Amino acid sequence: MFLMDGIRWQVLQRDNRGCVVCGIRPVENDTVVLHVDNISPGSSGGNDNIDNYQTLSDKCKIGKSNTNKTGL
């Protein structure tokens, strides 16, 4: 799925610019990388609705892989 910049910004804002799993934010650690990720992947029938996205740190995203998990 292609994520439009406007939706990416809205998700980051909604999630307070931090990972919804571990809570880390770039203002606390300048080496953290944030990703806007699908809660339910497209391969599992996920959609492009903003409610299907979450902000994850790079470490939490790697741990999630292609599963249907959320930190919410």
PDB file of N, CA and C in Angstrom:
ATOM      1  N   MET A   1       0.836  -1.181   0.000  1.00  0.00           N
ATOM      2  CA  MET A   1       0.000   0.000   0.000  1.00  0.00           C
ATOM      3  C   MET A   1       0.880   1.243   0.000  1.00  0.00           C
ATOM      4  N   PHE A   2       0.458   2.230  -0.744  1.00  0.00           N
ATOM      5  CA  PHE A   2       1.163   3.497  -0.795  1.00  0.00           C
ATOM      6  C   PHE A   2       0.541   4.454   0.215  1.00  0.00           C
ATOM      7  N   LEU A   3       1.365   5.030   1.067  1.00  0.00           N
ATOM      8  CA  LEU A   3       0.884   5.933   2.111  1.00  0.00           C
ATOM      9  C   LEU A   3       1.142   7.369   1.700  1.00  0.00           C
ATOM     10  N   MET A   4       0.092   8.138   1.569  1.00  0.00           N
ATOM     11  CA  MET A   4       0.231   9.538   1.181  1.00  0.00           C
ATOM     12  C   MET A   4       0.813  10.351   2.337  1.00  0.00           C
ATOM     13  N   ASP A   5       1.605  11.378   2.003  1.00  0.00           N
ATOM     14  CA  ASP A   5       2.263  12.208   3.014  1.00  0.00           C
ATOM     15  C   ASP A   5       1.281  12.807   4.010  1.00  0.00           C
ATOM     16  N   GLY A   6       0.103  13.220   3.557  1.00  0.00           N
ATOM     17  CA  GLY A   6      -0.888  13.811   4.455  1.00  0.00           C
ATOM     18  C   GLY A   6      -1.341  12.836   5.528  1.00  0.00           C
ATOM     19  N   ILE A   7      -1.552  11.592   5.141  1.00  0.00           N
ATOM     20  CA  ILE A   7      -1.966  10.575   6.111  1.00  0.00           C
ATOM     21  C   ILE A   7      -0.806  10.268   7.049  1.00  0.00           C
ATOM     22  N   ARG A   8       0.395  10.175   6.518  1.00  0.00           N
ATOM     23  CA  ARG A   8       1.578   9.920   7.358  1.00  0.00           C
ATOM     24  C   ARG A   8       1.680  10.986   8.445  1.00  0.00           C
ATOM     25  N   TRP A   9       1.529  12.244   8.071  1.00  0.00           N
ATOM     26  CA  TRP A   9       1.606  13.350   9.022  1.00  0.00           C
ATOM     27  C   TRP A   9       0.504  13.236  10.079  1.00  0.00           C
ATOM     28  N   GLN A  10      -0.718  12.918   9.652  1.00  0.00           N
ATOM     29  CA  GLN A  10      -1.838  12.793  10.585  1.00  0.00           C
ATOM     30  C   GLN A  10      -1.605  11.669  11.598  1.00  0.00           C
ATOM     31  N   VAL A  11      -1.052  10.556  11.133  1.00  0.00           N
ATOM     32  CA  VAL A  11      -0.785   9.429  12.034  1.00  0.00           C
ATOM     33  C   VAL A  11       0.296   9.810  13.039  1.00  0.00           C
ATOM     34  N   LEU A  12       1.372  10.442  12.580  1.00  0.00           N
ATOM     35  CA  LEU A  12       2.437  10.880  13.488  1.00  0.00           C
ATOM     36  C   LEU A  12       1.895  11.861  14.527  1.00  0.00           C
ATOM     37  N   GLN A  13       1.048  12.784  14.096  1.00  0.00           N
ATOM     38  CA  GLN A  13       0.445  13.740  15.020  1.00  0.00           C
ATOM     39  C   GLN A  13      -0.442  13.028  16.039  1.00  0.00           C
ATOM     40  N   ARG A  14      -1.297  12.138  15.552  1.00  0.00           N
ATOM     41  CA  ARG A  14      -2.216  11.402  16.427  1.00  0.00           C
ATOM     42  C   ARG A  14      -1.458  10.592  17.477  1.00  0.00           C
ATOM     43  N   ASP A  15      -0.338  10.005  17.073  1.00  0.00           N
ATOM     44  CA  ASP A  15       0.442   9.147  17.971  1.00  0.00           C
ATOM     45  C   ASP A  15       1.507   9.928  18.739  1.00  0.00           C
ATOM     46  N   ASN A  16       1.367  11.255  18.761  1.00  0.00           N
ATOM     47  CA  ASN A  16       2.262  12.128  19.528  1.00  0.00           C
ATOM     48  C   ASN A  16       3.730  11.952  19.142  1.00  0.00           C
ATOM     49  N   ARG A  17       3.949  11.665  17.866  1.00  0.00           N
ATOM     50  CA  ARG A  17       5.297  11.493  17.319  1.00  0.00           C
ATOM     51  C   ARG A  17       6.141  10.517  18.131  1.00  0.00           C
ATOM     52  N   GLY A  18       5.509   9.398  18.490  1.00  0.00           N
ATOM     53  CA  GLY A  18       6.206   8.369  19.255  1.00  0.00           C
ATOM     54  C   GLY A  18       5.678   6.992  18.923  1.00  0.00           C
ATOM     55  N   CYS A  19       6.472   5.987  19.235  1.00  0.00           N
ATOM     56  CA  CYS A  19       6.092   4.602  18.991  1.00  0.00           C
ATOM     57  C   CYS A  19       4.951   4.207  19.926  1.00  0.00           C
ATOM     58  N   VAL A  20       3.900   3.613  19.369  1.00  0.00           N
ATOM     59  CA  VAL A  20       2.751   3.208  20.181  1.00  0.00           C
ATOM     60  C   VAL A  20       3.030   1.939  20.982  1.00  0.00           C
ATOM     61  N   VAL A  21       4.128   1.242  20.692  1.00  0.00           N
ATOM     62  CA  VAL A  21       4.474   0.023  21.424  1.00  0.00           C
ATOM     63  C   VAL A  21       5.417   0.335  22.582  1.00  0.00           C
ATOM     64  N   CYS A  22       6.568   0.934  22.272  1.00  0.00           N
ATOM     65  CA  CYS A  22       7.573   1.163  23.324  1.00  0.00           C
ATOM     66  C   CYS A  22       7.560   2.596  23.849  1.00  0.00           C
ATOM     67  N   GLY A  23       6.885   3.504  23.152  1.00  0.00           N
ATOM     68  CA  GLY A  23       6.742   4.877  23.617  1.00  0.00           C
ATOM     69  C   GLY A  23       7.903   5.811  23.312  1.00  0.00           C
ATOM     70  N   ILE A  24       8.952   5.311  22.696  1.00  0.00           N
ATOM     71  CA  ILE A  24      10.115   6.157  22.414  1.00  0.00           C
ATOM     72  C   ILE A  24       9.773   7.246  21.400  1.00  0.00           C
ATOM     73  N   ARG A  25      10.374   8.404  21.602  1.00  0.00           N
ATOM     74  CA  ARG A  25      10.140   9.551  20.705  1.00  0.00           C
ATOM     75  C   ARG A  25      11.483  10.141  20.309  1.00  0.00           C
ATOM     76  N   PRO A  26      11.596  10.696  19.098  1.00  0.00           N
ATOM     77  CA  PRO A  26      12.853  11.292  18.657  1.00  0.00           C
ATOM     78  C   PRO A  26      13.341  12.422  19.555  1.00  0.00           C
ATOM     79  N   VAL A  27      12.454  13.135  20.239  1.00  0.00           N
ATOM     80  CA  VAL A  27      12.903  14.211  21.118  1.00  0.00           C
ATOM     81  C   VAL A  27      13.625  13.658  22.346  1.00  0.00           C
ATOM     82  N   GLU A  28      13.414  12.388  22.661  1.00  0.00           N
ATOM     83  CA  GLU A  28      14.078  11.744  23.789  1.00  0.00           C
ATOM     84  C   GLU A  28      15.354  11.021  23.365  1.00  0.00           C
ATOM     85  N   ASN A  29      15.420  10.625  22.115  1.00  0.00           N
ATOM     86  CA  ASN A  29      16.549   9.855  21.601  1.00  0.00           C
ATOM     87  C   ASN A  29      16.700  10.192  20.124  1.00  0.00           C
ATOM     88  N   ASP A  30      17.741  10.935  19.786  1.00  0.00           N
ATOM     89  CA  ASP A  30      17.872  11.411  18.409  1.00  0.00           C
ATOM     90  C   ASP A  30      18.295  10.333  17.412  1.00  0.00           C
ATOM     91  N   THR A  31      18.501   9.103  17.871  1.00  0.00           N
ATOM     92  CA  THR A  31      18.843   8.033  16.936  1.00  0.00           C
ATOM     93  C   THR A  31      17.631   7.187  16.552  1.00  0.00           C
ATOM     94  N   VAL A  32      16.488   7.437  17.174  1.00  0.00           N
ATOM     95  CA  VAL A  32      15.294   6.641  16.878  1.00  0.00           C
ATOM     96  C   VAL A  32      14.758   6.993  15.496  1.00  0.00           C
ATOM     97  N   VAL A  33      14.299   5.962  14.792  1.00  0.00           N
ATOM     98  CA  VAL A  33      13.669   6.127  13.482  1.00  0.00           C
ATOM     99  C   VAL A  33      12.227   5.666  13.627  1.00  0.00           C
ATOM    100  N   LEU A  34      11.290   6.520  13.227  1.00  0.00           N
ATOM    101  CA  LEU A  34       9.872   6.172  13.305  1.00  0.00           C
ATOM    102  C   LEU A  34       9.336   5.793  11.935  1.00  0.00           C
ATOM    103  N   HIS A  35       8.421   4.837  11.927  1.00  0.00           N
ATOM    104  CA  HIS A  35       7.759   4.384  10.712  1.00  0.00           C
ATOM    105  C   HIS A  35       6.255   4.443  10.934  1.00  0.00           C
ATOM    106  N   VAL A  36       5.517   4.810   9.906  1.00  0.00           N
ATOM    107  CA  VAL A  36       4.065   4.685   9.942  1.00  0.00           C
ATOM    108  C   VAL A  36       3.757   3.362   9.259  1.00  0.00           C
ATOM    109  N   ASP A  37       3.160   2.457  10.018  1.00  0.00           N
ATOM    110  CA  ASP A  37       3.002   1.065   9.605  1.00  0.00           C
ATOM    111  C   ASP A  37       1.538   0.653   9.642  1.00  0.00           C
ATOM    112  N   ASN A  38       1.195  -0.324   8.804  1.00  0.00           N
ATOM    113  CA  ASN A  38      -0.159  -0.888   8.817  1.00  0.00           C
ATOM    114  C   ASN A  38      -0.361  -1.707  10.071  1.00  0.00           C
ATOM    115  N   ILE A  39      -1.514  -1.588  10.687  1.00  0.00           N
ATOM    116  CA  ILE A  39      -1.876  -2.478  11.785  1.00  0.00           C
ATOM    117  C   ILE A  39      -2.225  -3.840  11.192  1.00  0.00           C
ATOM    118  N   SER A  40      -3.090  -3.832  10.204  1.00  0.00           N
ATOM    119  CA  SER A  40      -3.425  -5.038   9.464  1.00  0.00           C
ATOM    120  C   SER A  40      -2.808  -4.898   8.078  1.00  0.00           C
ATOM    121  N   PRO A  41      -1.793  -5.698   7.751  1.00  0.00           N
ATOM    122  CA  PRO A  41      -1.107  -5.569   6.471  1.00  0.00           C
ATOM    123  C   PRO A  41      -2.026  -5.775   5.270  1.00  0.00           C
ATOM    124  N   GLY A  42      -1.661  -5.171   4.165  1.00  0.00           N
ATOM    125  CA  GLY A  42      -2.423  -5.338   2.930  1.00  0.00           C
ATOM    126  C   GLY A  42      -2.541  -6.796   2.525  1.00  0.00           C
ATOM    127  N   SER A  43      -1.502  -7.575   2.792  1.00  0.00           N
ATOM    128  CA  SER A  43      -1.530  -9.002   2.452  1.00  0.00           C
ATOM    129  C   SER A  43      -2.546  -9.775   3.287  1.00  0.00           C
ATOM    130  N   SER A  44      -3.014  -9.144   4.378  1.00  0.00           N
ATOM    131  CA  SER A  44      -4.037  -9.771   5.227  1.00  0.00           C
ATOM    132  C   SER A  44      -5.379  -9.069   5.085  1.00  0.00           C
ATOM    133  N   GLY A  45      -5.513  -8.256   4.041  1.00  0.00           N
ATOM    134  CA  GLY A  45      -6.775  -7.582   3.795  1.00  0.00           C
ATOM    135  C   GLY A  45      -6.883  -6.201   4.413  1.00  0.00           C
ATOM    136  N   GLY A  46      -5.768  -5.668   4.934  1.00  0.00           N
ATOM    137  CA  GLY A  46      -5.774  -4.329   5.522  1.00  0.00           C
ATOM    138  C   GLY A  46      -6.120  -3.262   4.494  1.00  0.00           C
ATOM    139  N   ASN A  47      -6.632  -2.131   4.975  1.00  0.00           N
ATOM    140  CA  ASN A  47      -7.054  -1.064   4.065  1.00  0.00           C
ATOM    141  C   ASN A  47      -6.234   0.204   4.286  1.00  0.00           C
ATOM    142  N   ASP A  48      -6.559   1.262   3.547  1.00  0.00           N
ATOM    143  CA  ASP A  48      -5.845   2.532   3.630  1.00  0.00           C
ATOM    144  C   ASP A  48      -6.507   3.523   4.573  1.00  0.00           C
ATOM    145  N   ASN A  49      -7.410   3.071   5.423  1.00  0.00           N
ATOM    146  CA  ASN A  49      -8.053   3.938   6.395  1.00  0.00           C
ATOM    147  C   ASN A  49      -7.029   4.365   7.440  1.00  0.00           C
ATOM    148  N   ILE A  50      -7.080   5.622   7.867  1.00  0.00           N
ATOM    149  CA  ILE A  50      -6.113   6.134   8.840  1.00  0.00           C
ATOM    150  C   ILE A  50      -6.111   5.325  10.126  1.00  0.00           C
ATOM    151  N   ASP A  51      -7.227   4.702  10.470  1.00  0.00           N
ATOM    152  CA  ASP A  51      -7.308   3.876  11.678  1.00  0.00           C
ATOM    153  C   ASP A  51      -6.528   2.569  11.547  1.00  0.00           C
ATOM    154  N   ASN A  52      -6.076   2.254  10.341  1.00  0.00           N
ATOM    155  CA  ASN A  52      -5.292   1.042  10.110  1.00  0.00           C
ATOM    156  C   ASN A  52      -3.786   1.327  10.150  1.00  0.00           C
ATOM    157  N   TYR A  53      -3.392   2.502  10.602  1.00  0.00           N
ATOM    158  CA  TYR A  53      -1.971   2.855  10.678  1.00  0.00           C
ATOM    159  C   TYR A  53      -1.574   3.155  12.106  1.00  0.00           C
ATOM    160  N   GLN A  54      -0.312   2.909  12.402  1.00  0.00           N
ATOM    161  CA  GLN A  54       0.244   3.201  13.719  1.00  0.00           C
ATOM    162  C   GLN A  54       1.686   3.648  13.536  1.00  0.00           C
ATOM    163  N   THR A  55       2.203   4.373  14.500  1.00  0.00           N
ATOM    164  CA  THR A  55       3.596   4.793  14.495  1.00  0.00           C
ATOM    165  C   THR A  55       4.405   3.785  15.291  1.00  0.00           C
ATOM    166  N   LEU A  56       5.457   3.255  14.659  1.00  0.00           N
ATOM    167  CA  LEU A  56       6.337   2.292  15.308  1.00  0.00           C
ATOM    168  C   LEU A  56       7.788   2.743  15.187  1.00  0.00           C
ATOM    169  N   SER A  57       8.584   2.453  16.200  1.00  0.00           N
ATOM    170  CA  SER A  57      10.025   2.660  16.090  1.00  0.00           C
ATOM    171  C   SER A  57      10.578   1.586  15.150  1.00  0.00           C
ATOM    172  N   ASP A  58      11.789   1.804  14.655  1.00  0.00           N
ATOM    173  CA  ASP A  58      12.366   0.809  13.755  1.00  0.00           C
ATOM    174  C   ASP A  58      12.502  -0.550  14.436  1.00  0.00           C
ATOM    175  N   LYS A  59      12.852  -0.585  15.714  1.00  0.00           N
ATOM    176  CA  LYS A  59      12.995  -1.861  16.418  1.00  0.00           C
ATOM    177  C   LYS A  59      11.653  -2.566  16.594  1.00  0.00           C
ATOM    178  N   CYS A  60      10.606  -1.829  16.916  1.00  0.00           N
ATOM    179  CA  CYS A  60       9.277  -2.442  17.078  1.00  0.00           C
ATOM    180  C   CYS A  60       8.716  -2.898  15.738  1.00  0.00           C
ATOM    181  N   LYS A  61       9.002  -2.177  14.675  1.00  0.00           N
ATOM    182  CA  LYS A  61       8.525  -2.567  13.347  1.00  0.00           C
ATOM    183  C   LYS A  61       9.178  -3.870  12.901  1.00  0.00           C
ATOM    184  N   ILE A  62      10.470  -4.009  13.169  1.00  0.00           N
ATOM    185  CA  ILE A  62      11.164  -5.248  12.808  1.00  0.00           C
ATOM    186  C   ILE A  62      10.549  -6.423  13.564  1.00  0.00           C
ATOM    187  N   GLY A  63      10.227  -6.231  14.833  1.00  0.00           N
ATOM    188  CA  GLY A  63       9.633  -7.296  15.635  1.00  0.00           C
ATOM    189  C   GLY A  63       8.243  -7.679  15.190  1.00  0.00           C
ATOM    190  N   LYS A  64       7.515  -6.730  14.607  1.00  0.00           N
ATOM    191  CA  LYS A  64       6.138  -6.993  14.165  1.00  0.00           C
ATOM    192  C   LYS A  64       6.108  -7.862  12.929  1.00  0.00           C
ATOM    193  N   SER A  65       7.000  -7.623  11.982  1.00  0.00           N
ATOM    194  CA  SER A  65       7.053  -8.334  10.724  1.00  0.00           C
ATOM    195  C   SER A  65       5.757  -8.155   9.947  1.00  0.00           C
ATOM    196  N   ASN A  66       5.194  -9.218   9.413  1.00  0.00           N
ATOM    197  CA  ASN A  66       3.986  -9.150   8.595  1.00  0.00           C
ATOM    198  C   ASN A  66       2.800  -9.730   9.356  1.00  0.00           C
ATOM    199  N   THR A  67       2.653  -9.294  10.615  1.00  0.00           N
ATOM    200  CA  THR A  67       1.568  -9.816  11.441  1.00  0.00           C
ATOM    201  C   THR A  67       0.530  -8.736  11.694  1.00  0.00           C
ATOM    202  N   ASN A  68      -0.611  -9.141  12.166  1.00  0.00           N
ATOM    203  CA  ASN A  68      -1.697  -8.231  12.458  1.00  0.00           C
ATOM    204  C   ASN A  68      -1.655  -7.906  13.946  1.00  0.00           C
ATOM    205  N   LYS A  69      -0.754  -6.991  14.332  1.00  0.00           N
ATOM    206  CA  LYS A  69      -0.603  -6.607  15.729  1.00  0.00           C
ATOM    207  C   LYS A  69      -0.614  -5.102  15.844  1.00  0.00           C
ATOM    208  N   THR A  70      -0.996  -4.639  16.997  1.00  0.00           N
ATOM    209  CA  THR A  70      -0.991  -3.198  17.259  1.00  0.00           C
ATOM    210  C   THR A  70      -0.554  -2.960  18.684  1.00  0.00           C
ATOM    211  N   GLY A  71      -0.024  -1.775  18.904  1.00  0.00           N
ATOM    212  CA  GLY A  71       0.331  -1.390  20.255  1.00  0.00           C
ATOM    213  C   GLY A  71      -0.776  -0.649  20.948  1.00  0.00           C
ATOM    214  N   LEU A  72      -1.889  -0.431  20.257  1.00  0.00           N
ATOM    215  CA  LEU A  72      -2.993   0.343  20.816  1.00  0.00           C
ATOM    216  C   LEU A  72      -3.872  -0.528  21.684  1.00  0.00           C
TER     217      LEU A  72
END
